[in-house]
Amino acid sequence: MAKPIRKYVKAVFAIAILAAAVAWLADWLLLLRNKADGFGQVEVHRRFAIHLKNRQIEQRMEKPHLQGCVHSIFPHYRQAPCWYLVRHANDLQDVDGSPWHFWDDDRP
């Protein structure tokens, strides 16, 4: 009884991987076909929340800058998709400002 179920699970897993590969390849081929319109730029605002030793948080902002992107569903050419950058244009990153000691790792 377990062998047919295992066979179906393997088949479904293989079909899912094949479908993902076909979708990525089709997306890449469409990007190649529209190479002139396939790339864009999005203005990104990056902020850093630095956690200090006295349990306060200091915020620092970078100047807004343009970041290159591709007009596709998946990332290509080491660039993120434009739809993702538009949704994450205001990026906040947490930074731990205290020095790290491997022997004293009792942070909350």
C-alpha atoms as a PDB file:
ATOM      1  CA  MET A   1       0.000   0.000   0.000  1.00  0.00           C
ATOM      2  CA  ALA A   2       2.851   2.407   0.755  1.00  0.00           C
ATOM      3  CA  LYS A   3       4.584   1.849  -2.593  1.00  0.00           C
ATOM      4  CA  PRO A   4       1.793   3.308  -4.813  1.00  0.00           C
ATOM      5  CA  ILE A   5       1.507   6.359  -2.538  1.00  0.00           C
ATOM      6  CA  ARG A   6       5.258   6.885  -2.680  1.00  0.00           C
ATOM      7  CA  LYS A   7       5.138   6.588  -6.474  1.00  0.00           C
ATOM      8  CA  TYR A   8       2.390   9.238  -6.700  1.00  0.00           C
ATOM      9  CA  VAL A   9       4.240  11.592  -4.362  1.00  0.00           C
ATOM     10  CA  LYS A  10       7.392  11.277  -6.472  1.00  0.00           C
ATOM     11  CA  ALA A  11       5.395  11.908  -9.648  1.00  0.00           C
ATOM     12  CA  VAL A  12       3.705  15.007  -8.209  1.00  0.00           C
ATOM     13  CA  PHE A  13       7.058  16.309  -6.941  1.00  0.00           C
ATOM     14  CA  ALA A  14       8.674  15.765 -10.363  1.00  0.00           C
ATOM     15  CA  ILE A  15       5.775  17.500 -12.148  1.00  0.00           C
ATOM     16  CA  ALA A  16       5.994  20.484  -9.763  1.00  0.00           C
ATOM     17  CA  ILE A  17       9.741  20.864 -10.371  1.00  0.00           C
ATOM     18  CA  LEU A  18       9.264  20.525 -14.125  1.00  0.00           C
ATOM     19  CA  ALA A  19       6.459  23.127 -14.115  1.00  0.00           C
ATOM     20  CA  ALA A  20       8.622  25.580 -12.149  1.00  0.00           C
ATOM     21  CA  ALA A  21      11.534  25.075 -14.557  1.00  0.00           C
ATOM     22  CA  VAL A  22       9.282  25.605 -17.594  1.00  0.00           C
ATOM     23  CA  ALA A  23       7.819  28.786 -16.040  1.00  0.00           C
ATOM     24  CA  TRP A  24      11.304  30.182 -15.308  1.00  0.00           C
ATOM     25  CA  LEU A  25      12.517  29.337 -18.834  1.00  0.00           C
ATOM     26  CA  ALA A  26       9.453  30.932 -20.454  1.00  0.00           C
ATOM     27  CA  ASP A  27       9.939  34.055 -18.329  1.00  0.00           C
ATOM     28  CA  TRP A  28      13.607  34.258 -19.356  1.00  0.00           C
ATOM     29  CA  LEU A  29      12.785  33.785 -23.058  1.00  0.00           C
ATOM     30  CA  LEU A  30      10.203  36.581 -22.897  1.00  0.00           C
ATOM     31  CA  LEU A  31      12.803  38.812 -21.258  1.00  0.00           C
ATOM     32  CA  LEU A  32      15.276  38.022 -24.057  1.00  0.00           C
ATOM     33  CA  ARG A  33      12.678  38.804 -26.695  1.00  0.00           C
ATOM     34  CA  ASN A  34      11.842  42.190 -25.125  1.00  0.00           C
ATOM     35  CA  LYS A  35      15.421  43.090 -24.201  1.00  0.00           C
ATOM     36  CA  ALA A  36      14.918  46.824 -24.839  1.00  0.00           C
ATOM     37  CA  ASP A  37      11.842  47.027 -22.578  1.00  0.00           C
ATOM     38  CA  GLY A  38      12.883  44.280 -20.188  1.00  0.00           C
ATOM     39  CA  PHE A  39      14.905  46.408 -17.778  1.00  0.00           C
ATOM     40  CA  GLY A  40      13.894  49.263 -15.511  1.00  0.00           C
ATOM     41  CA  GLN A  41      14.863  51.230 -12.416  1.00  0.00           C
ATOM     42  CA  VAL A  42      13.118  51.790  -9.098  1.00  0.00           C
ATOM     43  CA  GLU A  43      13.989  54.427  -6.496  1.00  0.00           C
ATOM     44  CA  VAL A  44      14.844  52.642  -3.245  1.00  0.00           C
ATOM     45  CA  HIS A  45      14.896  54.289   0.205  1.00  0.00           C
ATOM     46  CA  ARG A  46      17.013  52.332   2.658  1.00  0.00           C
ATOM     47  CA  ARG A  47      16.867  52.810   6.447  1.00  0.00           C
ATOM     48  CA  PHE A  48      18.860  51.118   9.173  1.00  0.00           C
ATOM     49  CA  ALA A  49      17.569  50.521  12.713  1.00  0.00           C
ATOM     50  CA  ILE A  50      20.689  50.175  14.877  1.00  0.00           C
ATOM     51  CA  HIS A  51      20.119  48.568  18.272  1.00  0.00           C
ATOM     52  CA  LEU A  52      22.429  50.220  20.797  1.00  0.00           C
ATOM     53  CA  LYS A  53      23.751  48.822  24.084  1.00  0.00           C
ATOM     54  CA  ASN A  54      21.440  50.996  26.195  1.00  0.00           C
ATOM     55  CA  ARG A  55      18.386  49.354  24.530  1.00  0.00           C
ATOM     56  CA  GLN A  56      17.690  52.386  22.379  1.00  0.00           C
ATOM     57  CA  ILE A  57      17.248  52.287  18.636  1.00  0.00           C
ATOM     58  CA  GLU A  58      19.028  54.747  16.376  1.00  0.00           C
ATOM     59  CA  GLN A  59      17.767  55.175  12.824  1.00  0.00           C
ATOM     60  CA  ARG A  60      19.959  56.136   9.915  1.00  0.00           C
ATOM     61  CA  MET A  61      18.860  56.774   6.372  1.00  0.00           C
ATOM     62  CA  GLU A  62      20.751  56.505   3.112  1.00  0.00           C
ATOM     63  CA  LYS A  63      20.108  58.829   0.234  1.00  0.00           C
ATOM     64  CA  PRO A  64      17.506  57.432  -2.149  1.00  0.00           C
ATOM     65  CA  HIS A  65      19.130  55.680  -5.075  1.00  0.00           C
ATOM     66  CA  LEU A  66      17.982  54.033  -8.283  1.00  0.00           C
ATOM     67  CA  GLN A  67      18.291  50.268  -8.376  1.00  0.00           C
ATOM     68  CA  GLY A  68      18.133  48.290 -11.600  1.00  0.00           C
ATOM     69  CA  CYS A  69      15.427  45.661 -12.055  1.00  0.00           C
ATOM     70  CA  VAL A  70      13.920  43.379 -14.686  1.00  0.00           C
ATOM     71  CA  HIS A  71      10.309  43.373 -15.881  1.00  0.00           C
ATOM     72  CA  SER A  72       9.656  39.688 -15.281  1.00  0.00           C
ATOM     73  CA  ILE A  73       8.193  37.322 -12.723  1.00  0.00           C
ATOM     74  CA  PHE A  74      11.488  35.783 -11.584  1.00  0.00           C
ATOM     75  CA  PRO A  75      14.888  37.418 -10.972  1.00  0.00           C
ATOM     76  CA  HIS A  76      17.301  37.308 -13.917  1.00  0.00           C
ATOM     77  CA  TYR A  77      20.819  38.640 -14.542  1.00  0.00           C
ATOM     78  CA  ARG A  78      21.353  39.126 -10.775  1.00  0.00           C
ATOM     79  CA  GLN A  79      18.612  41.753 -10.667  1.00  0.00           C
ATOM     80  CA  ALA A  80      15.379  41.598  -8.731  1.00  0.00           C
ATOM     81  CA  PRO A  81      12.007  41.814 -10.479  1.00  0.00           C
ATOM     82  CA  CYS A  82      10.558  45.311 -10.669  1.00  0.00           C
ATOM     83  CA  TRP A  83       7.272  44.244  -9.056  1.00  0.00           C
ATOM     84  CA  TYR A  84       9.238  43.095  -5.989  1.00  0.00           C
ATOM     85  CA  LEU A  85      11.320  46.286  -5.743  1.00  0.00           C
ATOM     86  CA  VAL A  86       8.246  48.497  -6.033  1.00  0.00           C
ATOM     87  CA  ARG A  87       6.682  46.673  -3.078  1.00  0.00           C
ATOM     88  CA  HIS A  88       9.935  46.844  -1.080  1.00  0.00           C
ATOM     89  CA  ALA A  89      11.078  50.356  -2.045  1.00  0.00           C
ATOM     90  CA  ASN A  90      11.142  51.437   1.629  1.00  0.00           C
ATOM     91  CA  ASP A  91      13.588  48.918   3.044  1.00  0.00           C
ATOM     92  CA  LEU A  92      14.244  48.757   6.814  1.00  0.00           C
ATOM     93  CA  GLN A  93      17.151  46.635   8.034  1.00  0.00           C
ATOM     94  CA  ASP A  94      17.828  45.795  11.678  1.00  0.00           C
ATOM     95  CA  VAL A  95      21.479  46.087  12.704  1.00  0.00           C
ATOM     96  CA  ASP A  96      22.806  44.944  16.065  1.00  0.00           C
ATOM     97  CA  GLY A  97      25.271  47.639  17.123  1.00  0.00           C
ATOM     98  CA  SER A  98      26.712  45.840  20.120  1.00  0.00           C
ATOM     99  CA  PRO A  99      29.846  43.748  19.765  1.00  0.00           C
ATOM    100  CA  TRP A 100      29.243  40.040  19.551  1.00  0.00           C
ATOM    101  CA  HIS A 101      30.973  37.687  21.956  1.00  0.00           C
ATOM    102  CA  PHE A 102      30.474  33.998  21.453  1.00  0.00           C
ATOM    103  CA  TRP A 103      30.938  33.326  25.151  1.00  0.00           C
ATOM    104  CA  ASP A 104      28.300  35.892  26.197  1.00  0.00           C
ATOM    105  CA  ASP A 105      25.286  35.158  24.005  1.00  0.00           C
ATOM    106  CA  ASP A 106      22.463  35.959  26.430  1.00  0.00           C
ATOM    107  CA  ARG A 107      20.724  38.567  24.269  1.00  0.00           C
ATOM    108  CA  PRO A 108      16.916  38.722  24.585  1.00  0.00           C
END
